[in-house]
Amino acid sequence: MEMINAEFKRITTIPLQSKFLSQLDLYSANLLKMFESTTGQKGKKLKALTNNMDTDDIDAGRDLLIKGLCLYLNEDPGDLVQEFIDVDETIVEGAIEKTTMGIFTLKNTASEDDCE
């Protein structure tokens, strides 16, 4: 990922990841309106997705917006967004190496020791 970010910045002088996320944040309200106005089966899927949106967690909201865009464009979100929960770093690195283009979400669940 660092190589892609570095190459994009070298060509455009703009940091790719921060620019993408800032633009996603900028258009999030409009995207949600677009999702809500969609009807039919696609609208039902989008409504179910946006009903789960947690407004307090920015990363989770971004994740849902990207998945919503995939659904809106009649694409399978699983083809673009891959989620890993409490997995070894080598597994994630292996998945990244096999992927041409994708968004990887890494989550760690809190252990009992973290809660104390």
PDB file of N, CA and C in Angstrom:
ATOM      1  N   MET A   1       0.824  -1.189   0.000  1.00  0.00           N
ATOM      2  CA  MET A   1       0.000   0.000   0.000  1.00  0.00           C
ATOM      3  C   MET A   1       0.868   1.252   0.000  1.00  0.00           C
ATOM      4  N   GLU A   2       1.973   1.182   0.729  1.00  0.00           N
ATOM      5  CA  GLU A   2       2.852   2.346   0.781  1.00  0.00           C
ATOM      6  C   GLU A   2       3.390   2.690  -0.603  1.00  0.00           C
ATOM      7  N   MET A   3       3.666   1.649  -1.398  1.00  0.00           N
ATOM      8  CA  MET A   3       4.191   1.894  -2.742  1.00  0.00           C
ATOM      9  C   MET A   3       3.156   2.592  -3.621  1.00  0.00           C
ATOM     10  N   ILE A   4       1.900   2.182  -3.491  1.00  0.00           N
ATOM     11  CA  ILE A   4       0.837   2.797  -4.286  1.00  0.00           C
ATOM     12  C   ILE A   4       0.656   4.252  -3.868  1.00  0.00           C
ATOM     13  N   ASN A   5       0.612   4.487  -2.557  1.00  0.00           N
ATOM     14  CA  ASN A   5       0.478   5.858  -2.064  1.00  0.00           C
ATOM     15  C   ASN A   5       1.650   6.724  -2.513  1.00  0.00           C
ATOM     16  N   ALA A   6       2.854   6.184  -2.423  1.00  0.00           N
ATOM     17  CA  ALA A   6       4.045   6.944  -2.815  1.00  0.00           C
ATOM     18  C   ALA A   6       4.030   7.259  -4.308  1.00  0.00           C
ATOM     19  N   GLU A   7       3.655   6.289  -5.126  1.00  0.00           N
ATOM     20  CA  GLU A   7       3.621   6.512  -6.574  1.00  0.00           C
ATOM     21  C   GLU A   7       2.538   7.522  -6.945  1.00  0.00           C
ATOM     22  N   PHE A   8       1.378   7.413  -6.322  1.00  0.00           N
ATOM     23  CA  PHE A   8       0.298   8.362  -6.592  1.00  0.00           C
ATOM     24  C   PHE A   8       0.732   9.773  -6.203  1.00  0.00           C
ATOM     25  N   LYS A   9       1.377   9.892  -5.049  1.00  0.00           N
ATOM     26  CA  LYS A   9       1.832  11.207  -4.596  1.00  0.00           C
ATOM     27  C   LYS A   9       2.935  11.745  -5.507  1.00  0.00           C
ATOM     28  N   ARG A  10       3.799  10.871  -5.987  1.00  0.00           N
ATOM     29  CA  ARG A  10       4.867  11.301  -6.887  1.00  0.00           C
ATOM     30  C   ARG A  10       4.282  11.870  -8.181  1.00  0.00           C
ATOM     31  N   ILE A  11       3.234  11.222  -8.690  1.00  0.00           N
ATOM     32  CA  ILE A  11       2.639  11.643  -9.958  1.00  0.00           C
ATOM     33  C   ILE A  11       1.765  12.884  -9.789  1.00  0.00           C
ATOM     34  N   THR A  12       0.963  12.910  -8.713  1.00  0.00           N
ATOM     35  CA  THR A  12      -0.040  13.971  -8.577  1.00  0.00           C
ATOM     36  C   THR A  12       0.279  15.002  -7.500  1.00  0.00           C
ATOM     37  N   THR A  13       1.243  14.725  -6.650  1.00  0.00           N
ATOM     38  CA  THR A  13       1.592  15.516  -5.459  1.00  0.00           C
ATOM     39  C   THR A  13       0.447  15.576  -4.441  1.00  0.00           C
ATOM     40  N   ILE A  14      -0.480  14.634  -4.530  1.00  0.00           N
ATOM     41  CA  ILE A  14      -1.613  14.557  -3.603  1.00  0.00           C
ATOM     42  C   ILE A  14      -1.563  13.202  -2.908  1.00  0.00           C
ATOM     43  N   PRO A  15      -1.694  13.166  -1.581  1.00  0.00           N
ATOM     44  CA  PRO A  15      -1.722  11.874  -0.887  1.00  0.00           C
ATOM     45  C   PRO A  15      -3.038  11.137  -1.176  1.00  0.00           C
ATOM     46  N   LEU A  16      -2.937   9.960  -1.742  1.00  0.00           N
ATOM     47  CA  LEU A  16      -4.099   9.206  -2.216  1.00  0.00           C
ATOM     48  C   LEU A  16      -5.092   8.876  -1.109  1.00  0.00           C
ATOM     49  N   GLN A  17      -4.635   8.227  -0.063  1.00  0.00           N
ATOM     50  CA  GLN A  17      -5.554   7.729   0.954  1.00  0.00           C
ATOM     51  C   GLN A  17      -6.286   8.860   1.668  1.00  0.00           C
ATOM     52  N   SER A  18      -5.572   9.873   2.093  1.00  0.00           N
ATOM     53  CA  SER A  18      -6.235  10.964   2.808  1.00  0.00           C
ATOM     54  C   SER A  18      -7.174  11.738   1.886  1.00  0.00           C
ATOM     55  N   LYS A  19      -6.806  11.892   0.626  1.00  0.00           N
ATOM     56  CA  LYS A  19      -7.679  12.580  -0.338  1.00  0.00           C
ATOM     57  C   LYS A  19      -8.953  11.776  -0.573  1.00  0.00           C
ATOM     58  N   PHE A  20      -8.809  10.471  -0.758  1.00  0.00           N
ATOM     59  CA  PHE A  20      -9.970   9.612  -0.972  1.00  0.00           C
ATOM     60  C   PHE A  20     -10.919   9.671   0.222  1.00  0.00           C
ATOM     61  N   LEU A  21     -10.367   9.537   1.420  1.00  0.00           N
ATOM     62  CA  LEU A  21     -11.206   9.530   2.617  1.00  0.00           C
ATOM     63  C   LEU A  21     -11.856  10.890   2.858  1.00  0.00           C
ATOM     64  N   SER A  22     -11.140  11.965   2.597  1.00  0.00           N
ATOM     65  CA  SER A  22     -11.735  13.289   2.796  1.00  0.00           C
ATOM     66  C   SER A  22     -12.869  13.532   1.802  1.00  0.00           C
ATOM     67  N   GLN A  23     -12.705  13.077   0.571  1.00  0.00           N
ATOM     68  CA  GLN A  23     -13.768  13.232  -0.421  1.00  0.00           C
ATOM     69  C   GLN A  23     -14.963  12.332  -0.092  1.00  0.00           C
ATOM     70  N   LEU A  24     -14.692  11.158   0.424  1.00  0.00           N
ATOM     71  CA  LEU A  24     -15.777  10.271   0.852  1.00  0.00           C
ATOM     72  C   LEU A  24     -16.565  10.925   1.985  1.00  0.00           C
ATOM     73  N   ASP A  25     -15.858  11.531   2.926  1.00  0.00           N
ATOM     74  CA  ASP A  25     -16.522  12.242   4.024  1.00  0.00           C
ATOM     75  C   ASP A  25     -17.338  13.420   3.498  1.00  0.00           C
ATOM     76  N   LEU A  26     -16.782  14.137   2.542  1.00  0.00           N
ATOM     77  CA  LEU A  26     -17.449  15.307   1.975  1.00  0.00           C
ATOM     78  C   LEU A  26     -18.772  14.931   1.310  1.00  0.00           C
ATOM     79  N   TYR A  27     -18.785  13.817   0.603  1.00  0.00           N
ATOM     80  CA  TYR A  27     -19.972  13.407  -0.144  1.00  0.00           C
ATOM     81  C   TYR A  27     -20.861  12.421   0.609  1.00  0.00           C
ATOM     82  N   SER A  28     -20.543  12.124   1.846  1.00  0.00           N
ATOM     83  CA  SER A  28     -21.291  11.093   2.575  1.00  0.00           C
ATOM     84  C   SER A  28     -22.774  11.432   2.723  1.00  0.00           C
ATOM     85  N   ALA A  29     -23.106  12.670   3.035  1.00  0.00           N
ATOM     86  CA  ALA A  29     -24.520  13.039   3.193  1.00  0.00           C
ATOM     87  C   ALA A  29     -25.278  12.863   1.878  1.00  0.00           C
ATOM     88  N   ASN A  30     -24.661  13.275   0.775  1.00  0.00           N
ATOM     89  CA  ASN A  30     -25.307  13.120  -0.535  1.00  0.00           C
ATOM     90  C   ASN A  30     -25.441  11.653  -0.919  1.00  0.00           C
ATOM     91  N   LEU A  31     -24.437  10.866  -0.593  1.00  0.00           N
ATOM     92  CA  LEU A  31     -24.512   9.433  -0.888  1.00  0.00           C
ATOM     93  C   LEU A  31     -25.642   8.783  -0.096  1.00  0.00           C
ATOM     94  N   LEU A  32     -25.770   9.152   1.169  1.00  0.00           N
ATOM     95  CA  LEU A  32     -26.849   8.591   1.987  1.00  0.00           C
ATOM     96  C   LEU A  32     -28.218   8.980   1.431  1.00  0.00           C
ATOM     97  N   LYS A  33     -28.365  10.217   0.984  1.00  0.00           N
ATOM     98  CA  LYS A  33     -29.631  10.643   0.369  1.00  0.00           C
ATOM     99  C   LYS A  33     -29.913   9.831  -0.892  1.00  0.00           C
ATOM    100  N   MET A  34     -28.881   9.609  -1.682  1.00  0.00           N
ATOM    101  CA  MET A  34     -29.031   8.830  -2.908  1.00  0.00           C
ATOM    102  C   MET A  34     -29.440   7.394  -2.576  1.00  0.00           C
ATOM    103  N   PHE A  35     -28.815   6.817  -1.554  1.00  0.00           N
ATOM    104  CA  PHE A  35     -29.161   5.456  -1.153  1.00  0.00           C
ATOM    105  C   PHE A  35     -30.606   5.387  -0.676  1.00  0.00           C
ATOM    106  N   GLU A  36     -31.030   6.380   0.107  1.00  0.00           N
ATOM    107  CA  GLU A  36     -32.389   6.385   0.656  1.00  0.00           C
ATOM    108  C   GLU A  36     -33.444   6.562  -0.426  1.00  0.00           C
ATOM    109  N   SER A  37     -33.102   7.246  -1.505  1.00  0.00           N
ATOM    110  CA  SER A  37     -34.083   7.479  -2.570  1.00  0.00           C
ATOM    111  C   SER A  37     -34.169   6.317  -3.555  1.00  0.00           C
ATOM    112  N   THR A  38     -33.281   5.352  -3.422  1.00  0.00           N
ATOM    113  CA  THR A  38     -33.284   4.201  -4.320  1.00  0.00           C
ATOM    114  C   THR A  38     -34.415   3.252  -3.932  1.00  0.00           C
ATOM    115  N   THR A  39     -35.112   2.738  -4.929  1.00  0.00           N
ATOM    116  CA  THR A  39     -36.250   1.852  -4.678  1.00  0.00           C
ATOM    117  C   THR A  39     -35.947   0.432  -5.150  1.00  0.00           C
ATOM    118  N   GLY A  40     -36.897  -0.445  -4.968  1.00  0.00           N
ATOM    119  CA  GLY A  40     -36.770  -1.828  -5.425  1.00  0.00           C
ATOM    120  C   GLY A  40     -35.876  -2.654  -4.523  1.00  0.00           C
ATOM    121  N   GLN A  41     -35.401  -3.759  -5.070  1.00  0.00           N
ATOM    122  CA  GLN A  41     -34.529  -4.660  -4.311  1.00  0.00           C
ATOM    123  C   GLN A  41     -33.243  -3.962  -3.892  1.00  0.00           C
ATOM    124  N   LYS A  42     -32.694  -3.176  -4.810  1.00  0.00           N
ATOM    125  CA  LYS A  42     -31.469  -2.444  -4.506  1.00  0.00           C
ATOM    126  C   LYS A  42     -31.714  -1.487  -3.337  1.00  0.00           C
ATOM    127  N   GLY A  43     -32.855  -0.814  -3.351  1.00  0.00           N
ATOM    128  CA  GLY A  43     -33.200   0.112  -2.275  1.00  0.00           C
ATOM    129  C   GLY A  43     -33.338  -0.590  -0.937  1.00  0.00           C
ATOM    130  N   LYS A  44     -33.916  -1.792  -0.950  1.00  0.00           N
ATOM    131  CA  LYS A  44     -34.057  -2.561   0.292  1.00  0.00           C
ATOM    132  C   LYS A  44     -32.692  -2.944   0.857  1.00  0.00           C
ATOM    133  N   LYS A  45     -31.798  -3.374  -0.024  1.00  0.00           N
ATOM    134  CA  LYS A  45     -30.449  -3.738   0.422  1.00  0.00           C
ATOM    135  C   LYS A  45     -29.717  -2.525   0.986  1.00  0.00           C
ATOM    136  N   LEU A  46     -29.847  -1.398   0.297  1.00  0.00           N
ATOM    137  CA  LEU A  46     -29.177  -0.178   0.758  1.00  0.00           C
ATOM    138  C   LEU A  46     -29.767   0.312   2.071  1.00  0.00           C
ATOM    139  N   LYS A  47     -31.074   0.209   2.211  1.00  0.00           N
ATOM    140  CA  LYS A  47     -31.725   0.641   3.448  1.00  0.00           C
ATOM    141  C   LYS A  47     -31.271  -0.230   4.620  1.00  0.00           C
ATOM    142  N   ALA A  48     -31.180  -1.539   4.389  1.00  0.00           N
ATOM    143  CA  ALA A  48     -30.706  -2.445   5.439  1.00  0.00           C
ATOM    144  C   ALA A  48     -29.267  -2.116   5.823  1.00  0.00           C
ATOM    145  N   LEU A  49     -28.472  -1.762   4.844  1.00  0.00           N
ATOM    146  CA  LEU A  49     -27.077  -1.416   5.101  1.00  0.00           C
ATOM    147  C   LEU A  49     -26.964  -0.115   5.889  1.00  0.00           C
ATOM    148  N   THR A  50     -27.699   0.905   5.470  1.00  0.00           N
ATOM    149  CA  THR A  50     -27.588   2.208   6.134  1.00  0.00           C
ATOM    150  C   THR A  50     -28.249   2.215   7.507  1.00  0.00           C
ATOM    151  N   ASN A  51     -29.193   1.317   7.749  1.00  0.00           N
ATOM    152  CA  ASN A  51     -29.796   1.237   9.082  1.00  0.00           C
ATOM    153  C   ASN A  51     -28.783   0.793  10.127  1.00  0.00           C
ATOM    154  N   ASN A  52     -27.743   0.090   9.688  1.00  0.00           N
ATOM    155  CA  ASN A  52     -26.704  -0.389  10.601  1.00  0.00           C
ATOM    156  C   ASN A  52     -25.589   0.629  10.809  1.00  0.00           C
ATOM    157  N   MET A  53     -25.710   1.800  10.195  1.00  0.00           N
ATOM    158  CA  MET A  53     -24.630   2.781  10.255  1.00  0.00           C
ATOM    159  C   MET A  53     -24.513   3.378  11.655  1.00  0.00           C
ATOM    160  N   ASP A  54     -23.295   3.333  12.177  1.00  0.00           N
ATOM    161  CA  ASP A  54     -22.984   3.916  13.478  1.00  0.00           C
ATOM    162  C   ASP A  54     -22.360   5.286  13.225  1.00  0.00           C
ATOM    163  N   THR A  55     -23.063   6.334  13.620  1.00  0.00           N
ATOM    164  CA  THR A  55     -22.581   7.682  13.333  1.00  0.00           C
ATOM    165  C   THR A  55     -21.385   8.073  14.194  1.00  0.00           C
ATOM    166  N   ASP A  56     -21.114   7.328  15.253  1.00  0.00           N
ATOM    167  CA  ASP A  56     -19.988   7.652  16.125  1.00  0.00           C
ATOM    168  C   ASP A  56     -18.664   7.097  15.614  1.00  0.00           C
ATOM    169  N   ASP A  57     -18.716   6.053  14.820  1.00  0.00           N
ATOM    170  CA  ASP A  57     -17.503   5.413  14.322  1.00  0.00           C
ATOM    171  C   ASP A  57     -17.286   5.813  12.862  1.00  0.00           C
ATOM    172  N   ILE A  58     -16.352   6.710  12.636  1.00  0.00           N
ATOM    173  CA  ILE A  58     -16.103   7.234  11.292  1.00  0.00           C
ATOM    174  C   ILE A  58     -15.669   6.125  10.338  1.00  0.00           C
ATOM    175  N   ASP A  59     -14.787   5.255  10.798  1.00  0.00           N
ATOM    176  CA  ASP A  59     -14.292   4.187   9.927  1.00  0.00           C
ATOM    177  C   ASP A  59     -15.403   3.223   9.529  1.00  0.00           C
ATOM    178  N   ALA A  60     -16.270   2.889  10.467  1.00  0.00           N
ATOM    179  CA  ALA A  60     -17.390   1.990  10.155  1.00  0.00           C
ATOM    180  C   ALA A  60     -18.347   2.662   9.171  1.00  0.00           C
ATOM    181  N   GLY A  61     -18.567   3.953   9.339  1.00  0.00           N
ATOM    182  CA  GLY A  61     -19.421   4.688   8.414  1.00  0.00           C
ATOM    183  C   GLY A  61     -18.847   4.714   7.012  1.00  0.00           C
ATOM    184  N   ARG A  62     -17.547   4.933   6.916  1.00  0.00           N
ATOM    185  CA  ARG A  62     -16.887   4.928   5.602  1.00  0.00           C
ATOM    186  C   ARG A  62     -16.994   3.551   4.957  1.00  0.00           C
ATOM    187  N   ASP A  63     -16.797   2.530   5.759  1.00  0.00           N
ATOM    188  CA  ASP A  63     -16.892   1.160   5.270  1.00  0.00           C
ATOM    189  C   ASP A  63     -18.281   0.893   4.685  1.00  0.00           C
ATOM    190  N   LEU A  64     -19.315   1.317   5.400  1.00  0.00           N
ATOM    191  CA  LEU A  64     -20.680   1.111   4.920  1.00  0.00           C
ATOM    192  C   LEU A  64     -20.976   1.934   3.667  1.00  0.00           C
ATOM    193  N   LEU A  65     -20.428   3.139   3.591  1.00  0.00           N
ATOM    194  CA  LEU A  65     -20.631   3.949   2.383  1.00  0.00           C
ATOM    195  C   LEU A  65     -20.007   3.284   1.156  1.00  0.00           C
ATOM    196  N   ILE A  66     -18.825   2.741   1.326  1.00  0.00           N
ATOM    197  CA  ILE A  66     -18.162   2.067   0.202  1.00  0.00           C
ATOM    198  C   ILE A  66     -18.947   0.823  -0.205  1.00  0.00           C
ATOM    199  N   LYS A  67     -19.408   0.067   0.780  1.00  0.00           N
ATOM    200  CA  LYS A  67     -20.232  -1.104   0.461  1.00  0.00           C
ATOM    201  C   LYS A  67     -21.530  -0.677  -0.216  1.00  0.00           C
ATOM    202  N   GLY A  68     -22.107   0.433   0.252  1.00  0.00           N
ATOM    203  CA  GLY A  68     -23.325   0.953  -0.363  1.00  0.00           C
ATOM    204  C   GLY A  68     -23.104   1.367  -1.808  1.00  0.00           C
ATOM    205  N   LEU A  69     -21.970   1.985  -2.081  1.00  0.00           N
ATOM    206  CA  LEU A  69     -21.649   2.348  -3.464  1.00  0.00           C
ATOM    207  C   LEU A  69     -21.552   1.109  -4.349  1.00  0.00           C
ATOM    208  N   CYS A  70     -20.944   0.073  -3.814  1.00  0.00           N
ATOM    209  CA  CYS A  70     -20.860  -1.183  -4.575  1.00  0.00           C
ATOM    210  C   CYS A  70     -22.259  -1.700  -4.899  1.00  0.00           C
ATOM    211  N   LEU A  71     -23.124  -1.738  -3.892  1.00  0.00           N
ATOM    212  CA  LEU A  71     -24.495  -2.210  -4.111  1.00  0.00           C
ATOM    213  C   LEU A  71     -25.226  -1.321  -5.111  1.00  0.00           C
ATOM    214  N   TYR A  72     -25.044  -0.023  -4.973  1.00  0.00           N
ATOM    215  CA  TYR A  72     -25.709   0.928  -5.868  1.00  0.00           C
ATOM    216  C   TYR A  72     -25.282   0.705  -7.322  1.00  0.00           C
ATOM    217  N   LEU A  73     -24.034   0.325  -7.506  1.00  0.00           N
ATOM    218  CA  LEU A  73     -23.500   0.082  -8.849  1.00  0.00           C
ATOM    219  C   LEU A  73     -23.665  -1.375  -9.291  1.00  0.00           C
ATOM    220  N   ASN A  74     -24.493  -2.121  -8.549  1.00  0.00           N
ATOM    221  CA  ASN A  74     -24.775  -3.533  -8.850  1.00  0.00           C
ATOM    222  C   ASN A  74     -23.530  -4.409  -8.831  1.00  0.00           C
ATOM    223  N   GLU A  75     -22.646  -4.111  -7.919  1.00  0.00           N
ATOM    224  CA  GLU A  75     -21.444  -4.916  -7.742  1.00  0.00           C
ATOM    225  C   GLU A  75     -21.512  -5.598  -6.382  1.00  0.00           C
ATOM    226  N   ASP A  76     -20.810  -6.689  -6.249  1.00  0.00           N
ATOM    227  CA  ASP A  76     -20.753  -7.404  -4.981  1.00  0.00           C
ATOM    228  C   ASP A  76     -19.713  -6.731  -4.087  1.00  0.00           C
ATOM    229  N   PRO A  77     -20.128  -6.206  -2.924  1.00  0.00           N
ATOM    230  CA  PRO A  77     -19.159  -5.550  -2.039  1.00  0.00           C
ATOM    231  C   PRO A  77     -18.021  -6.474  -1.615  1.00  0.00           C
ATOM    232  N   GLY A  78     -18.281  -7.763  -1.561  1.00  0.00           N
ATOM    233  CA  GLY A  78     -17.251  -8.720  -1.174  1.00  0.00           C
ATOM    234  C   GLY A  78     -16.103  -8.808  -2.160  1.00  0.00           C
ATOM    235  N   ASP A  79     -16.356  -8.373  -3.402  1.00  0.00           N
ATOM    236  CA  ASP A  79     -15.285  -8.375  -4.401  1.00  0.00           C
ATOM    237  C   ASP A  79     -14.304  -7.226  -4.180  1.00  0.00           C
ATOM    238  N   LEU A  80     -14.745  -6.172  -3.519  1.00  0.00           N
ATOM    239  CA  LEU A  80     -13.889  -5.008  -3.307  1.00  0.00           C
ATOM    240  C   LEU A  80     -13.437  -4.880  -1.857  1.00  0.00           C
ATOM    241  N   VAL A  81     -14.362  -5.084  -0.930  1.00  0.00           N
ATOM    242  CA  VAL A  81     -14.075  -4.874   0.488  1.00  0.00           C
ATOM    243  C   VAL A  81     -13.910  -6.219   1.177  1.00  0.00           C
ATOM    244  N   GLN A  82     -12.767  -6.404   1.812  1.00  0.00           N
ATOM    245  CA  GLN A  82     -12.520  -7.622   2.573  1.00  0.00           C
ATOM    246  C   GLN A  82     -12.272  -7.236   4.026  1.00  0.00           C
ATOM    247  N   GLU A  83     -12.937  -7.927   4.919  1.00  0.00           N
ATOM    248  CA  GLU A  83     -12.849  -7.608   6.335  1.00  0.00           C
ATOM    249  C   GLU A  83     -12.146  -8.734   7.077  1.00  0.00           C
ATOM    250  N   PHE A  84     -11.183  -8.360   7.899  1.00  0.00           N
ATOM    251  CA  PHE A  84     -10.441  -9.322   8.705  1.00  0.00           C
ATOM    252  C   PHE A  84     -10.602  -8.943  10.170  1.00  0.00           C
ATOM    253  N   ILE A  85     -11.034  -9.897  10.974  1.00  0.00           N
ATOM    254  CA  ILE A  85     -11.242  -9.650  12.403  1.00  0.00           C
ATOM    255  C   ILE A  85     -10.329 -10.578  13.192  1.00  0.00           C
ATOM    256  N   ASP A  86      -9.468  -9.983  14.000  1.00  0.00           N
ATOM    257  CA  ASP A  86      -8.557 -10.732  14.872  1.00  0.00           C
ATOM    258  C   ASP A  86      -7.800 -11.832  14.132  1.00  0.00           C
ATOM    259  N   VAL A  87      -7.118 -11.475  13.064  1.00  0.00           N
ATOM    260  CA  VAL A  87      -6.336 -12.459  12.324  1.00  0.00           C
ATOM    261  C   VAL A  87      -4.861 -12.076  12.353  1.00  0.00           C
ATOM    262  N   ASP A  88      -4.045 -13.060  12.065  1.00  0.00           N
ATOM    263  CA  ASP A  88      -2.604 -12.865  12.026  1.00  0.00           C
ATOM    264  C   ASP A  88      -2.233 -11.977  10.833  1.00  0.00           C
ATOM    265  N   GLU A  89      -1.248 -11.152  11.020  1.00  0.00           N
ATOM    266  CA  GLU A  89      -0.820 -10.208   9.989  1.00  0.00           C
ATOM    267  C   GLU A  89      -0.371 -10.912   8.709  1.00  0.00           C
ATOM    268  N   THR A  90       0.200 -12.099   8.832  1.00  0.00           N
ATOM    269  CA  THR A  90       0.661 -12.818   7.640  1.00  0.00           C
ATOM    270  C   THR A  90      -0.508 -13.244   6.752  1.00  0.00           C
ATOM    271  N   ILE A  91      -1.651 -13.533   7.356  1.00  0.00           N
ATOM    272  CA  ILE A  91      -2.841 -13.899   6.579  1.00  0.00           C
ATOM    273  C   ILE A  91      -3.308 -12.703   5.756  1.00  0.00           C
ATOM    274  N   VAL A  92      -3.312 -11.539   6.389  1.00  0.00           N
ATOM    275  CA  VAL A  92      -3.734 -10.322   5.698  1.00  0.00           C
ATOM    276  C   VAL A  92      -2.756  -9.990   4.575  1.00  0.00           C
ATOM    277  N   GLU A  93      -1.471 -10.083   4.853  1.00  0.00           N
ATOM    278  CA  GLU A  93      -0.466  -9.796   3.827  1.00  0.00           C
ATOM    279  C   GLU A  93      -0.601 -10.742   2.641  1.00  0.00           C
ATOM    280  N   GLY A  94      -0.900 -12.005   2.912  1.00  0.00           N
ATOM    281  CA  GLY A  94      -1.105 -12.970   1.833  1.00  0.00           C
ATOM    282  C   GLY A  94      -2.308 -12.612   0.978  1.00  0.00           C
ATOM    283  N   ALA A  95      -3.381 -12.171   1.622  1.00  0.00           N
ATOM    284  CA  ALA A  95      -4.583 -11.766   0.883  1.00  0.00           C
ATOM    285  C   ALA A  95      -4.311 -10.523   0.047  1.00  0.00           C
ATOM    286  N   ILE A  96      -3.543  -9.598   0.587  1.00  0.00           N
ATOM    287  CA  ILE A  96      -3.212  -8.375  -0.150  1.00  0.00           C
ATOM    288  C   ILE A  96      -2.388  -8.707  -1.388  1.00  0.00           C
ATOM    289  N   GLU A  97      -1.444  -9.620  -1.248  1.00  0.00           N
ATOM    290  CA  GLU A  97      -0.595  -9.994  -2.382  1.00  0.00           C
ATOM    291  C   GLU A  97      -1.393 -10.634  -3.512  1.00  0.00           C
ATOM    292  N   LYS A  98      -2.483 -11.322  -3.176  1.00  0.00           N
ATOM    293  CA  LYS A  98      -3.297 -12.003  -4.181  1.00  0.00           C
ATOM    294  C   LYS A  98      -4.358 -11.091  -4.803  1.00  0.00           C
ATOM    295  N   THR A  99      -4.480  -9.871  -4.299  1.00  0.00           N
ATOM    296  CA  THR A  99      -5.543  -8.975  -4.733  1.00  0.00           C
ATOM    297  C   THR A  99      -5.000  -7.899  -5.659  1.00  0.00           C
ATOM    298  N   THR A 100      -5.668  -7.718  -6.788  1.00  0.00           N
ATOM    299  CA  THR A 100      -5.285  -6.661  -7.711  1.00  0.00           C
ATOM    300  C   THR A 100      -5.735  -5.310  -7.183  1.00  0.00           C
ATOM    301  N   MET A 101      -6.991  -5.242  -6.742  1.00  0.00           N
ATOM    302  CA  MET A 101      -7.527  -4.004  -6.191  1.00  0.00           C
ATOM    303  C   MET A 101      -8.529  -4.356  -5.110  1.00  0.00           C
ATOM    304  N   GLY A 102      -8.415  -3.711  -3.971  1.00  0.00           N
ATOM    305  CA  GLY A 102      -9.345  -3.998  -2.902  1.00  0.00           C
ATOM    306  C   GLY A 102      -9.179  -3.050  -1.741  1.00  0.00           C
ATOM    307  N   ILE A 103     -10.145  -3.100  -0.865  1.00  0.00           N
ATOM    308  CA  ILE A 103     -10.113  -2.324   0.368  1.00  0.00           C
ATOM    309  C   ILE A 103     -10.143  -3.332   1.503  1.00  0.00           C
ATOM    310  N   PHE A 104      -9.172  -3.244   2.371  1.00  0.00           N
ATOM    311  CA  PHE A 104      -9.051  -4.186   3.471  1.00  0.00           C
ATOM    312  C   PHE A 104      -9.377  -3.490   4.780  1.00  0.00           C
ATOM    313  N   THR A 105     -10.278  -4.093   5.537  1.00  0.00           N
ATOM    314  CA  THR A 105     -10.660  -3.572   6.836  1.00  0.00           C
ATOM    315  C   THR A 105     -10.139  -4.530   7.892  1.00  0.00           C
ATOM    316  N   LEU A 106      -9.298  -4.016   8.777  1.00  0.00           N
ATOM    317  CA  LEU A 106      -8.727  -4.827   9.845  1.00  0.00           C
ATOM    318  C   LEU A 106      -9.339  -4.393  11.161  1.00  0.00           C
ATOM    319  N   LYS A 107      -9.917  -5.353  11.878  1.00  0.00           N
ATOM    320  CA  LYS A 107     -10.560  -5.042  13.155  1.00  0.00           C
ATOM    321  C   LYS A 107     -10.035  -5.971  14.226  1.00  0.00           C
ATOM    322  N   ASN A 108      -9.852  -5.417  15.393  1.00  0.00           N
ATOM    323  CA  ASN A 108      -9.468  -6.201  16.562  1.00  0.00           C
ATOM    324  C   ASN A 108     -10.576  -6.087  17.588  1.00  0.00           C
ATOM    325  N   THR A 109     -11.040  -7.223  18.076  1.00  0.00           N
ATOM    326  CA  THR A 109     -12.036  -7.184  19.133  1.00  0.00           C
ATOM    327  C   THR A 109     -11.311  -7.027  20.452  1.00  0.00           C
ATOM    328  N   ALA A 110     -11.943  -6.359  21.385  1.00  0.00           N
ATOM    329  CA  ALA A 110     -11.330  -6.129  22.695  1.00  0.00           C
ATOM    330  C   ALA A 110     -11.308  -7.432  23.480  1.00  0.00           C
ATOM    331  N   SER A 111     -10.167  -7.726  24.061  1.00  0.00           N
ATOM    332  CA  SER A 111     -10.077  -8.916  24.905  1.00  0.00           C
ATOM    333  C   SER A 111     -10.530  -8.554  26.308  1.00  0.00           C
ATOM    334  N   GLU A 112     -10.701  -9.565  27.146  1.00  0.00           N
ATOM    335  CA  GLU A 112     -11.136  -9.323  28.516  1.00  0.00           C
ATOM    336  C   GLU A 112     -10.121  -8.475  29.268  1.00  0.00           C
ATOM    337  N   ASP A 113      -8.826  -8.633  28.953  1.00  0.00           N
ATOM    338  CA  ASP A 113      -7.790  -7.846  29.613  1.00  0.00           C
ATOM    339  C   ASP A 113      -7.913  -6.367  29.273  1.00  0.00           C
ATOM    340  N   ASP A 114      -8.368  -6.061  28.038  1.00  0.00           N
ATOM    341  CA  ASP A 114      -8.503  -4.674  27.612  1.00  0.00           C
ATOM    342  C   ASP A 114      -9.654  -3.975  28.320  1.00  0.00           C
ATOM    343  N   CYS A 115     -10.646  -4.736  28.745  1.00  0.00           N
ATOM    344  CA  CYS A 115     -11.833  -4.147  29.358  1.00  0.00           C
ATOM    345  C   CYS A 115     -11.612  -3.760  30.814  1.00  0.00           C
ATOM    346  N   GLU A 116     -10.586  -4.291  31.433  1.00  0.00           N
ATOM    347  CA  GLU A 116     -10.369  -4.017  32.854  1.00  0.00           C
ATOM    348  C   GLU A 116      -9.668  -2.710  33.078  1.00  0.00           C
TER     349      GLU A 116
END
